[in-house]
N, C-alpha and C. Protein backbone atom coordinates (compact mmCIF):
# COMPACT_ATOMS: atom_id res chain seq x y z
N MET A 1 -19.49 24.64 5.14
CA MET A 1 -18.51 24.00 4.30
C MET A 1 -17.11 24.38 4.80
N VAL A 2 -16.25 23.40 4.89
CA VAL A 2 -14.90 23.63 5.36
C VAL A 2 -14.04 24.20 4.23
N THR A 3 -13.12 25.08 4.57
CA THR A 3 -12.24 25.71 3.58
C THR A 3 -10.85 25.09 3.62
N PRO A 4 -10.08 25.25 2.55
CA PRO A 4 -8.70 24.77 2.57
C PRO A 4 -7.90 25.37 3.73
N GLU A 5 -8.16 26.64 4.05
CA GLU A 5 -7.46 27.30 5.15
C GLU A 5 -7.77 26.61 6.48
N GLN A 6 -9.02 26.19 6.66
CA GLN A 6 -9.39 25.49 7.89
C GLN A 6 -8.70 24.14 7.98
N VAL A 7 -8.65 23.41 6.87
CA VAL A 7 -7.98 22.11 6.85
C VAL A 7 -6.50 22.29 7.18
N LYS A 8 -5.89 23.32 6.61
CA LYS A 8 -4.49 23.63 6.90
C LYS A 8 -4.31 23.89 8.39
N GLU A 9 -5.20 24.66 8.98
CA GLU A 9 -5.13 24.96 10.42
C GLU A 9 -5.30 23.70 11.26
N TYR A 10 -6.25 22.85 10.89
CA TYR A 10 -6.47 21.59 11.62
C TYR A 10 -5.20 20.75 11.62
N ILE A 11 -4.56 20.63 10.46
CA ILE A 11 -3.34 19.83 10.35
C ILE A 11 -2.23 20.46 11.18
N SER A 12 -2.06 21.78 11.05
CA SER A 12 -0.99 22.48 11.77
C SER A 12 -1.16 22.40 13.28
N GLN A 13 -2.39 22.41 13.75
CA GLN A 13 -2.65 22.32 15.19
C GLN A 13 -2.37 20.93 15.73
N GLY A 14 -2.60 19.91 14.91
CA GLY A 14 -2.48 18.55 15.39
C GLY A 14 -1.19 17.84 15.07
N LEU A 15 -0.33 18.48 14.27
CA LEU A 15 0.89 17.83 13.81
C LEU A 15 1.99 18.88 13.66
N GLU A 16 3.15 18.60 14.21
CA GLU A 16 4.28 19.51 14.07
C GLU A 16 4.79 19.48 12.63
N CYS A 17 4.61 20.59 11.92
CA CYS A 17 4.95 20.65 10.50
C CYS A 17 5.90 21.81 10.22
N GLN A 18 6.77 21.62 9.25
CA GLN A 18 7.60 22.69 8.77
C GLN A 18 6.91 23.47 7.66
N PHE A 19 6.00 22.78 6.95
CA PHE A 19 5.29 23.41 5.84
C PHE A 19 3.98 22.65 5.61
N VAL A 20 2.91 23.38 5.36
CA VAL A 20 1.62 22.79 5.01
C VAL A 20 0.97 23.67 3.95
N ASP A 21 0.49 23.04 2.89
CA ASP A 21 -0.27 23.75 1.86
C ASP A 21 -1.49 22.90 1.53
N VAL A 22 -2.65 23.51 1.51
CA VAL A 22 -3.89 22.78 1.24
C VAL A 22 -4.68 23.53 0.17
N ALA A 23 -5.18 22.79 -0.81
CA ALA A 23 -6.06 23.33 -1.84
C ALA A 23 -7.31 22.45 -1.87
N GLY A 24 -8.41 23.02 -2.32
CA GLY A 24 -9.61 22.22 -2.42
C GLY A 24 -10.85 23.04 -2.68
N ASP A 25 -11.96 22.31 -2.83
CA ASP A 25 -13.22 22.94 -3.21
C ASP A 25 -14.29 22.87 -2.13
N GLY A 26 -13.91 22.52 -0.91
CA GLY A 26 -14.88 22.42 0.17
C GLY A 26 -15.28 21.00 0.49
N GLN A 27 -15.05 20.08 -0.45
CA GLN A 27 -15.33 18.67 -0.22
C GLN A 27 -14.10 17.81 -0.48
N HIS A 28 -13.39 18.14 -1.54
CA HIS A 28 -12.19 17.39 -1.93
C HIS A 28 -10.98 18.30 -1.74
N PHE A 29 -9.97 17.75 -1.05
CA PHE A 29 -8.79 18.54 -0.73
C PHE A 29 -7.51 17.81 -1.11
N GLU A 30 -6.48 18.59 -1.39
CA GLU A 30 -5.12 18.09 -1.61
C GLU A 30 -4.22 18.81 -0.62
N ALA A 31 -3.42 18.04 0.10
CA ALA A 31 -2.51 18.64 1.09
C ALA A 31 -1.08 18.19 0.83
N LEU A 32 -0.17 19.14 0.92
CA LEU A 32 1.26 18.88 0.87
C LEU A 32 1.79 19.22 2.26
N ILE A 33 2.43 18.24 2.90
CA ILE A 33 2.87 18.42 4.28
C ILE A 33 4.31 18.00 4.43
N VAL A 34 5.11 18.84 5.08
CA VAL A 34 6.50 18.54 5.38
C VAL A 34 6.64 18.51 6.90
N SER A 35 7.12 17.37 7.41
CA SER A 35 7.26 17.24 8.86
C SER A 35 8.42 16.31 9.21
N GLU A 36 9.15 16.70 10.25
CA GLU A 36 10.22 15.84 10.76
C GLU A 36 9.65 14.55 11.34
N LEU A 37 8.40 14.58 11.76
CA LEU A 37 7.77 13.39 12.34
C LEU A 37 7.62 12.26 11.32
N PHE A 38 7.75 12.57 10.03
CA PHE A 38 7.64 11.55 8.99
C PHE A 38 8.92 10.75 8.82
N ARG A 39 10.01 11.25 9.39
CA ARG A 39 11.31 10.59 9.22
C ARG A 39 11.26 9.15 9.73
N GLY A 40 11.70 8.21 8.89
CA GLY A 40 11.77 6.80 9.27
C GLY A 40 10.45 6.07 9.20
N LYS A 41 9.41 6.74 8.73
CA LYS A 41 8.10 6.12 8.65
C LYS A 41 7.73 5.84 7.19
N SER A 42 6.95 4.79 6.99
CA SER A 42 6.46 4.48 5.64
C SER A 42 5.44 5.54 5.23
N ARG A 43 5.12 5.58 3.96
CA ARG A 43 4.13 6.53 3.46
C ARG A 43 2.78 6.31 4.16
N VAL A 44 2.41 5.06 4.38
CA VAL A 44 1.16 4.76 5.08
C VAL A 44 1.20 5.30 6.51
N GLN A 45 2.31 5.11 7.21
CA GLN A 45 2.44 5.63 8.58
C GLN A 45 2.40 7.15 8.60
N GLN A 46 2.99 7.79 7.60
CA GLN A 46 2.95 9.25 7.51
C GLN A 46 1.51 9.73 7.35
N HIS A 47 0.78 9.08 6.48
CA HIS A 47 -0.61 9.46 6.24
C HIS A 47 -1.46 9.21 7.48
N GLN A 48 -1.17 8.14 8.21
CA GLN A 48 -1.89 7.86 9.45
C GLN A 48 -1.67 8.97 10.48
N LEU A 49 -0.47 9.54 10.52
CA LEU A 49 -0.21 10.67 11.42
C LEU A 49 -1.09 11.85 11.06
N VAL A 50 -1.23 12.12 9.77
CA VAL A 50 -2.08 13.24 9.34
C VAL A 50 -3.54 12.96 9.68
N TYR A 51 -4.00 11.75 9.39
CA TYR A 51 -5.39 11.40 9.70
C TYR A 51 -5.63 11.49 11.21
N GLY A 52 -4.65 11.09 11.99
CA GLY A 52 -4.77 11.20 13.44
C GLY A 52 -4.89 12.65 13.89
N ALA A 53 -4.14 13.54 13.23
CA ALA A 53 -4.21 14.97 13.56
C ALA A 53 -5.59 15.53 13.22
N LEU A 54 -6.20 15.02 12.18
CA LEU A 54 -7.51 15.51 11.76
C LEU A 54 -8.64 14.88 12.56
N GLY A 55 -8.41 13.71 13.12
CA GLY A 55 -9.39 13.04 13.97
C GLY A 55 -10.75 12.87 13.31
N GLU A 56 -11.79 13.19 14.05
CA GLU A 56 -13.17 13.00 13.58
C GLU A 56 -13.53 13.89 12.39
N ARG A 57 -12.73 14.90 12.16
CA ARG A 57 -13.01 15.79 11.02
C ARG A 57 -12.96 15.03 9.70
N MET A 58 -12.15 13.95 9.66
CA MET A 58 -12.07 13.15 8.43
C MET A 58 -13.41 12.48 8.13
N ARG A 59 -14.20 12.20 9.12
CA ARG A 59 -15.50 11.57 8.90
C ARG A 59 -16.61 12.59 8.76
N GLU A 60 -16.48 13.70 9.46
CA GLU A 60 -17.59 14.64 9.55
C GLU A 60 -17.50 15.81 8.58
N GLU A 61 -16.30 16.32 8.34
CA GLU A 61 -16.17 17.56 7.56
C GLU A 61 -15.43 17.37 6.24
N ILE A 62 -14.45 16.49 6.22
CA ILE A 62 -13.59 16.33 5.05
C ILE A 62 -13.95 15.03 4.35
N HIS A 63 -14.44 15.14 3.13
CA HIS A 63 -14.93 13.97 2.42
C HIS A 63 -13.83 13.25 1.63
N ALA A 64 -12.86 13.99 1.14
CA ALA A 64 -11.76 13.38 0.40
C ALA A 64 -10.50 14.20 0.62
N LEU A 65 -9.41 13.51 0.88
CA LEU A 65 -8.14 14.19 1.13
C LEU A 65 -7.02 13.42 0.46
N SER A 66 -6.36 14.06 -0.48
CA SER A 66 -5.19 13.49 -1.15
C SER A 66 -3.95 14.07 -0.46
N LEU A 67 -3.04 13.20 -0.05
CA LEU A 67 -1.87 13.64 0.71
C LEU A 67 -0.57 13.44 -0.06
N LYS A 68 0.30 14.42 0.05
CA LYS A 68 1.70 14.30 -0.36
C LYS A 68 2.50 14.66 0.87
N THR A 69 3.24 13.68 1.42
CA THR A 69 3.97 13.90 2.66
C THR A 69 5.46 13.74 2.42
N PHE A 70 6.25 14.60 3.06
CA PHE A 70 7.70 14.61 2.88
C PHE A 70 8.40 14.90 4.21
N THR A 71 9.58 14.32 4.37
CA THR A 71 10.47 14.76 5.44
C THR A 71 11.11 16.06 4.96
N PRO A 72 11.68 16.87 5.84
CA PRO A 72 12.35 18.09 5.39
C PRO A 72 13.45 17.80 4.36
N GLU A 73 14.19 16.72 4.56
CA GLU A 73 15.28 16.38 3.62
C GLU A 73 14.73 16.02 2.24
N ASP A 74 13.67 15.21 2.22
CA ASP A 74 13.08 14.82 0.94
C ASP A 74 12.49 16.03 0.22
N TRP A 75 11.86 16.92 0.98
CA TRP A 75 11.27 18.13 0.40
C TRP A 75 12.36 19.03 -0.16
N GLN A 76 13.46 19.18 0.57
CA GLN A 76 14.56 20.02 0.11
C GLN A 76 15.17 19.44 -1.17
N ALA A 77 15.36 18.13 -1.21
CA ALA A 77 15.91 17.48 -2.40
C ALA A 77 14.98 17.66 -3.60
N LEU A 78 13.70 17.58 -3.38
CA LEU A 78 12.72 17.76 -4.45
C LEU A 78 12.76 19.18 -4.98
N GLN A 79 12.93 20.15 -4.10
CA GLN A 79 12.98 21.55 -4.49
C GLN A 79 14.22 21.87 -5.32
N LYS A 80 15.32 21.16 -5.03
CA LYS A 80 16.56 21.40 -5.77
C LYS A 80 16.53 20.79 -7.16
N GLY A 81 15.72 19.74 -7.27
CA GLY A 81 15.81 19.12 -8.43
C GLY A 81 15.35 18.50 -9.51
């Protein structure tokens, strides 16, 4: 069974991130990701970047993944307010 820490590592290895946090129960996961690569991209494009970083793991190891993706600026604004 895959752990939240492993999912976090998979994302961090495949995508340049400023911040990654993953929670889950081994089958269902929630990830919060902050990356400059999300700048100028739609939410769907941001999620596609994450899925691309996870590759085949999305089919084989991770059964459900809920994503919250932010640019550094959006994340900073959210933290302030």
